[in-house]
N, C-alpha and C. Protein backbone atom coordinates (compact mmCIF):
# COMPACT_ATOMS: atom_id res chain seq x y z
N MET A 1 -23.08 -4.43 -0.04
CA MET A 1 -21.86 -4.23 -0.30
C MET A 1 -21.52 -3.50 1.29
N ASP A 2 -19.57 -3.71 1.17
CA ASP A 2 -19.39 -2.87 1.56
C ASP A 2 -19.19 -1.84 1.52
N THR A 3 -19.47 -1.03 2.12
CA THR A 3 -18.40 0.41 2.26
C THR A 3 -18.20 1.65 3.54
N THR A 4 -17.41 0.59 4.27
CA THR A 4 -16.23 0.75 4.96
C THR A 4 -14.80 1.67 3.59
N ARG A 5 -14.57 1.76 4.21
CA ARG A 5 -13.19 2.52 3.30
C ARG A 5 -12.40 2.32 4.50
N HIS A 6 -10.62 1.13 3.81
CA HIS A 6 -10.04 0.09 4.49
C HIS A 6 -8.96 0.65 4.58
N THR A 7 -8.04 0.86 5.09
CA THR A 7 -6.52 2.03 5.28
C THR A 7 -5.38 0.86 5.55
N THR A 8 -5.71 -0.08 6.02
CA THR A 8 -4.96 -1.02 5.44
C THR A 8 -5.74 -2.45 4.93
N ALA A 9 -4.47 -3.48 4.69
CA ALA A 9 -4.79 -4.36 3.84
C ALA A 9 -4.02 -5.35 4.49
N ARG A 10 -4.36 -6.61 4.28
CA ARG A 10 -3.41 -8.04 4.30
C ARG A 10 -3.33 -8.85 3.41
N ILE A 11 -2.47 -8.37 2.53
CA ILE A 11 -2.71 -9.82 1.17
C ILE A 11 -0.91 -10.17 1.00
N GLY A 12 -1.57 -11.21 1.13
CA GLY A 12 0.33 -11.88 1.15
C GLY A 12 1.13 -12.05 2.46
N PRO A 13 2.32 -11.29 2.16
CA PRO A 13 3.31 -11.30 3.84
C PRO A 13 2.97 -10.23 3.50
N TRP A 14 2.87 -9.03 2.37
CA TRP A 14 2.85 -7.79 2.88
C TRP A 14 1.49 -7.02 3.66
N THR A 15 1.48 -6.19 4.83
CA THR A 15 0.41 -5.05 4.95
C THR A 15 0.58 -3.60 3.51
N VAL A 16 -1.02 -3.94 3.71
CA VAL A 16 -0.54 -2.52 1.98
C VAL A 16 -1.52 -1.36 2.59
N ARG A 17 -1.12 0.02 2.85
CA ARG A 17 -1.46 0.83 3.94
C ARG A 17 -1.71 2.06 2.54
N ILE A 18 -3.00 2.36 2.63
CA ILE A 18 -3.80 3.36 1.80
C ILE A 18 -2.95 4.48 2.44
N VAL A 19 -2.34 5.90 2.67
CA VAL A 19 -2.27 7.44 3.07
C VAL A 19 -2.89 8.52 2.56
N TRP A 20 -4.34 8.99 3.50
CA TRP A 20 -5.59 10.03 2.36
C TRP A 20 -4.78 11.45 2.82
N LYS A 21 -5.47 12.06 2.72
CA LYS A 21 -5.20 13.53 3.04
C LYS A 21 -5.21 13.37 4.03
N GLY A 22 -4.18 14.58 5.26
CA GLY A 22 -4.66 14.67 5.81
C GLY A 22 -3.99 13.51 7.25
N GLU A 23 -3.41 12.50 6.42
CA GLU A 23 -3.45 11.50 7.67
C GLU A 23 -2.09 11.60 7.90
N ARG A 24 -1.22 10.69 8.63
CA ARG A 24 -0.09 10.93 8.75
C ARG A 24 0.88 9.88 8.54
N TYR A 25 2.42 10.21 7.94
CA TYR A 25 2.68 9.47 7.82
C TYR A 25 3.98 9.71 8.11
N GLY A 26 5.71 8.82 7.26
CA GLY A 26 6.91 9.12 7.51
C GLY A 26 7.13 8.02 8.96
N LEU A 27 9.05 8.25 9.32
CA LEU A 27 9.84 7.84 9.95
C LEU A 27 8.05 9.41 11.57
N ASN A 28 7.88 7.57 12.30
CA ASN A 28 7.06 8.80 13.63
C ASN A 28 5.80 8.96 12.87
N ASN A 29 5.35 9.25 11.69
CA ASN A 29 4.90 10.13 11.47
C ASN A 29 4.93 11.34 11.08
N VAL A 30 5.48 11.70 11.24
CA VAL A 30 6.52 13.05 11.33
C VAL A 30 4.85 13.64 9.92
N ILE A 31 5.69 13.31 8.81
CA ILE A 31 4.67 14.39 8.68
C ILE A 31 2.82 13.38 7.67
N GLU A 32 1.93 15.26 6.96
CA GLU A 32 0.85 15.00 7.24
C GLU A 32 0.91 15.01 6.17
N HIS A 33 -0.19 14.32 4.50
CA HIS A 33 -0.32 14.02 3.69
C HIS A 33 -1.26 15.61 3.21
N ALA A 34 -0.40 15.80 2.41
CA ALA A 34 -1.60 17.05 1.98
C ALA A 34 -2.03 16.76 0.30
N GLU A 35 -1.34 16.45 -0.03
CA GLU A 35 -2.55 16.13 -1.04
C GLU A 35 -3.74 15.58 -2.14
N ASP A 36 -4.46 15.91 -2.88
CA ASP A 36 -5.88 14.53 -2.71
C ASP A 36 -5.39 13.08 -3.42
N MET A 37 -4.52 13.26 -3.85
CA MET A 37 -3.70 11.76 -4.48
C MET A 37 -2.98 10.28 -2.97
N PRO A 38 -3.99 9.92 -2.58
CA PRO A 38 -3.90 8.93 -2.16
C PRO A 38 -2.47 8.74 -2.08
N LEU A 39 -1.15 8.12 -1.08
CA LEU A 39 -0.08 7.00 -1.15
C LEU A 39 0.07 6.02 -1.01
N VAL A 40 0.04 5.19 -1.24
CA VAL A 40 0.40 3.92 -1.55
C VAL A 40 1.80 2.93 -0.60
N GLU A 41 1.84 2.07 0.69
CA GLU A 41 2.51 2.34 1.12
C GLU A 41 3.04 0.90 1.81
N PHE A 42 3.75 0.01 0.84
CA PHE A 42 3.95 -1.73 1.42
C PHE A 42 5.22 -1.76 2.77
N TYR A 43 5.11 -2.89 3.41
CA TYR A 43 5.31 -3.30 5.24
C TYR A 43 5.11 -4.67 4.18
N ASP A 44 6.75 -4.52 4.72
CA ASP A 44 6.47 -7.09 5.03
C ASP A 44 6.26 -6.81 5.81
N ALA A 45 5.29 -7.44 6.34
CA ALA A 45 4.73 -8.09 7.47
C ALA A 45 5.02 -9.43 8.13
N GLU A 46 6.57 -10.11 7.19
CA GLU A 46 6.87 -11.35 7.92
C GLU A 46 7.89 -10.57 8.84
N GLN A 47 8.43 -9.76 8.94
CA GLN A 47 9.53 -9.06 10.29
C GLN A 47 8.79 -8.08 11.51
N SER A 48 9.81 -8.22 12.46
CA SER A 48 9.42 -8.14 13.56
C SER A 48 8.00 -7.48 13.70
N LEU A 49 7.21 -7.59 14.76
CA LEU A 49 5.58 -6.82 14.65
C LEU A 49 5.67 -6.07 16.51
N THR A 50 7.38 -6.89 16.67
CA THR A 50 8.04 -5.56 18.63
C THR A 50 8.69 -4.97 17.55
N LYS A 51 9.83 -5.22 16.21
CA LYS A 51 10.66 -4.39 16.04
C LYS A 51 10.63 -3.00 15.38
N PHE A 52 9.37 -3.54 14.40
CA PHE A 52 8.87 -3.15 13.49
C PHE A 52 7.76 -2.26 13.61
N GLY A 53 7.08 -3.10 14.49
CA GLY A 53 5.38 -2.03 14.09
C GLY A 53 4.73 -2.81 14.21
N PRO A 54 3.21 -2.55 14.52
CA PRO A 54 1.88 -3.34 13.66
C PRO A 54 1.52 -4.14 12.12
N TRP A 55 2.62 -3.19 11.14
CA TRP A 55 2.01 -3.52 9.68
C TRP A 55 3.53 -3.82 9.30
N GLY A 56 4.66 -4.19 10.10
CA GLY A 56 5.97 -4.64 9.53
C GLY A 56 6.94 -4.00 9.22
N GLN A 57 7.82 -3.84 8.75
CA GLN A 57 9.17 -2.86 7.83
C GLN A 57 8.99 -2.39 6.53
N PHE A 58 8.74 -1.46 7.11
CA PHE A 58 8.27 -0.67 5.85
C PHE A 58 9.21 -0.76 4.83
N VAL A 59 8.90 -0.36 3.09
CA VAL A 59 9.75 -1.44 1.91
C VAL A 59 9.59 -0.04 1.83
N SER A 60 8.36 0.12 1.30
CA SER A 60 8.23 1.39 0.01
C SER A 60 6.92 1.97 0.19
N ARG A 61 7.04 2.51 -0.81
CA ARG A 61 5.48 3.77 -1.41
C ARG A 61 5.56 5.23 -2.21
N TYR A 62 4.60 4.71 -2.91
CA TYR A 62 3.69 5.28 -3.88
C TYR A 62 2.78 6.12 -4.10
N GLY A 63 3.00 5.93 -4.94
CA GLY A 63 1.41 7.23 -5.67
C GLY A 63 0.46 6.45 -6.11
N ALA A 64 -1.40 6.09 -5.69
CA ALA A 64 -1.85 5.14 -5.88
C ALA A 64 -2.26 5.17 -7.41
N PRO A 65 -1.92 6.24 -8.75
CA PRO A 65 -2.13 6.45 -9.66
C PRO A 65 -0.89 5.42 -10.24
N THR A 66 -0.43 5.67 -9.55
CA THR A 66 1.75 4.71 -10.48
C THR A 66 0.81 3.07 -10.12
N ILE A 67 0.44 3.25 -9.05
CA ILE A 67 0.23 1.27 -9.17
C ILE A 67 -1.55 1.18 -10.11
N LEU A 68 -2.47 1.96 -9.22
CA LEU A 68 -3.71 2.35 -11.43
C LEU A 68 -3.26 1.55 -12.13
N THR A 69 -2.08 2.57 -13.24
CA THR A 69 -1.63 2.65 -13.92
C THR A 69 -0.11 2.51 -14.24
N ARG A 70 -0.13 1.18 -14.75
CA ARG A 70 1.14 0.79 -14.55
C ARG A 70 0.60 -0.40 -16.09
N ASP A 71 1.79 -0.04 -16.43
CA ASP A 71 1.74 -0.86 -18.16
C ASP A 71 1.37 -1.72 -18.16
N HIS A 72 1.63 -3.09 -17.65
CA HIS A 72 1.35 -4.22 -17.07
C HIS A 72 0.04 -4.46 -15.39
N PRO A 73 -1.46 -4.24 -15.63
CA PRO A 73 -0.99 -4.38 -14.64
C PRO A 73 -1.64 -6.43 -13.89
N GLY A 74 -1.37 -6.60 -12.40
CA GLY A 74 -1.13 -7.56 -12.00
C GLY A 74 0.45 -8.57 -12.53
N MET A 75 0.83 -7.51 -12.74
CA MET A 75 2.16 -7.48 -13.22
C MET A 75 3.11 -7.76 -11.94
N PRO A 76 4.05 -8.31 -11.35
CA PRO A 76 4.96 -8.22 -9.88
C PRO A 76 5.58 -7.03 -10.52
N LEU A 77 5.47 -6.30 -8.36
CA LEU A 77 6.49 -5.59 -8.55
C LEU A 77 7.58 -5.42 -7.77
N CYS A 78 8.37 -5.28 -7.73
CA CYS A 78 9.81 -5.17 -7.06
C CYS A 78 10.23 -3.41 -6.60
N LEU A 79 9.51 -3.74 -5.15
CA LEU A 79 9.94 -3.32 -3.95
C LEU A 79 10.89 -2.16 -3.48
N HIS A 80 12.59 -3.45 -4.14
CA HIS A 80 13.35 -3.44 -3.92
C HIS A 80 14.67 -3.76 -3.61
N GLY A 81 15.46 -3.64 -5.36
CA GLY A 81 16.45 -4.17 -5.78
C GLY A 81 17.57 -5.28 -5.34
N GLY A 82 17.24 -4.67 -3.65
CA GLY A 82 18.94 -5.02 -3.02
C GLY A 82 18.11 -6.06 -1.63
N VAL A 83 17.18 -6.50 -2.43
CA VAL A 83 17.07 -7.40 -1.00
C VAL A 83 15.48 -8.22 -2.40
N PRO A 84 15.40 -9.63 -2.79
CA PRO A 84 14.94 -10.73 -2.93
C PRO A 84 13.56 -10.13 -3.00
N ARG A 85 13.65 -10.74 -2.40
CA ARG A 85 12.48 -10.90 -1.01
C ARG A 85 11.04 -9.46 -1.19
N TRP A 86 11.82 -8.39 -1.53
CA TRP A 86 10.70 -7.61 -1.56
C TRP A 86 10.79 -7.36 -2.72
N THR A 87 9.54 -8.85 -3.58
CA THR A 87 9.41 -7.74 -4.73
C THR A 87 7.76 -8.57 -4.71
N VAL A 88 6.73 -8.14 -4.92
CA VAL A 88 5.15 -8.68 -5.01
C VAL A 88 4.88 -9.45 -5.76
N SER A 89 4.37 -10.20 -5.38
CA SER A 89 4.53 -11.14 -6.77
C SER A 89 2.47 -10.85 -7.64
N ALA A 90 2.91 -12.24 -8.99
CA ALA A 90 1.79 -10.87 -10.29
C ALA A 90 0.30 -11.25 -8.87
N GLU A 91 0.25 -11.99 -8.53
CA GLU A 91 -1.14 -12.34 -7.64
C GLU A 91 -1.41 -11.95 -6.60
N HIS A 92 -0.48 -11.15 -6.11
CA HIS A 92 -0.39 -10.30 -5.11
C HIS A 92 -1.37 -8.36 -5.67
N MET A 93 -0.50 -9.19 -6.29
CA MET A 93 0.00 -7.50 -7.16
C MET A 93 -1.78 -7.05 -7.76
N ALA A 94 -1.84 -8.53 -7.97
CA ALA A 94 -3.61 -8.33 -8.19
C ALA A 94 -4.88 -7.89 -7.48
N LEU A 95 -4.02 -8.26 -6.41
CA LEU A 95 -4.90 -8.35 -5.29
C LEU A 95 -4.93 -6.86 -4.87
N VAL A 96 -3.71 -6.32 -4.73
CA VAL A 96 -3.73 -5.00 -4.30
C VAL A 96 -4.07 -3.81 -5.22
N GLU A 97 -4.11 -4.49 -6.42
CA GLU A 97 -4.66 -3.27 -7.61
C GLU A 97 -6.49 -2.88 -7.21
N ARG A 98 -7.37 -4.27 -7.82
CA ARG A 98 -8.95 -4.77 -6.83
C ARG A 98 -9.13 -3.77 -5.75
N TRP A 99 -8.52 -4.36 -4.51
CA TRP A 99 -8.50 -3.96 -3.33
C TRP A 99 -8.28 -2.58 -3.09
N LEU A 100 -7.17 -1.86 -4.51
CA LEU A 100 -6.63 -0.75 -4.05
C LEU A 100 -7.76 0.90 -4.89
N GLU A 101 -8.37 0.13 -6.12
CA GLU A 101 -9.45 1.05 -6.83
C GLU A 101 -10.69 0.59 -5.87
N ALA A 102 -10.89 0.15 -5.08
CA ALA A 102 -12.35 -0.68 -4.39
C ALA A 102 -12.15 0.80 -4.10
N GLN A 103 -11.23 0.79 -3.00
CA GLN A 103 -10.98 2.42 -2.03
C GLN A 103 -11.10 3.18 -2.34
N CYS A 104 -10.51 3.14 -3.73
CA CYS A 104 -10.33 4.43 -4.24
C CYS A 104 -11.96 5.25 -5.14
N ALA A 105 -12.37 4.21 -5.62
CA ALA A 105 -14.26 4.42 -6.15
C ALA A 105 -14.74 4.70 -4.75
N TYR A 106 -14.44 4.15 -3.76
CA TYR A 106 -15.62 4.68 -2.31
C TYR A 106 -14.99 5.94 -2.11
N VAL A 107 -13.91 6.47 -1.98
CA VAL A 107 -13.98 7.63 -1.49
C VAL A 107 -13.98 8.74 -3.09
N GLY A 108 -14.00 8.80 -3.98
CA GLY A 108 -14.70 9.36 -5.25
C GLY A 108 -16.83 8.88 -5.59
N ALA A 109 -16.62 8.44 -4.50
CA ALA A 109 -18.05 8.63 -4.70
C ALA A 109 -18.81 9.36 -3.89
N ASP A 110 -18.26 9.92 -2.62
CA ASP A 110 -18.06 10.64 -1.64
C ASP A 110 -18.79 12.24 -2.38
C-alpha cells in the first residue's frame, strides 16, 4: 500500500492540488491555510507552464468536502462558466474523487 501523502496529481489536462492546514496558497502563496479541512485547487496544466508555473493556470478552488459530498459523484464539474474547456469531465472527476478520498483517508489514519 502506498502510504505517501501526495499533494498534487496530474489528471487529464488538470493539475489537482490539495492544500493542507499550514500550507501556503493563493496568488504568490501569501495565504496560509489555517483550517483543518483541506482545500482542492484545479489548474489547467495545458496552459504555459513558463507563464503560469509548474502546475499551469489556476482555475478554481473548493473545500475538499464540497468535492467529496457532491450529490452526483463522478459527474462533470464546471470550474468556470465563461471558459467551456474548464469543465472537468465525468471520467476525470471520478479519478479526482478517488484520489482525494485516498489522500484524505491517509491523513485521517494518523
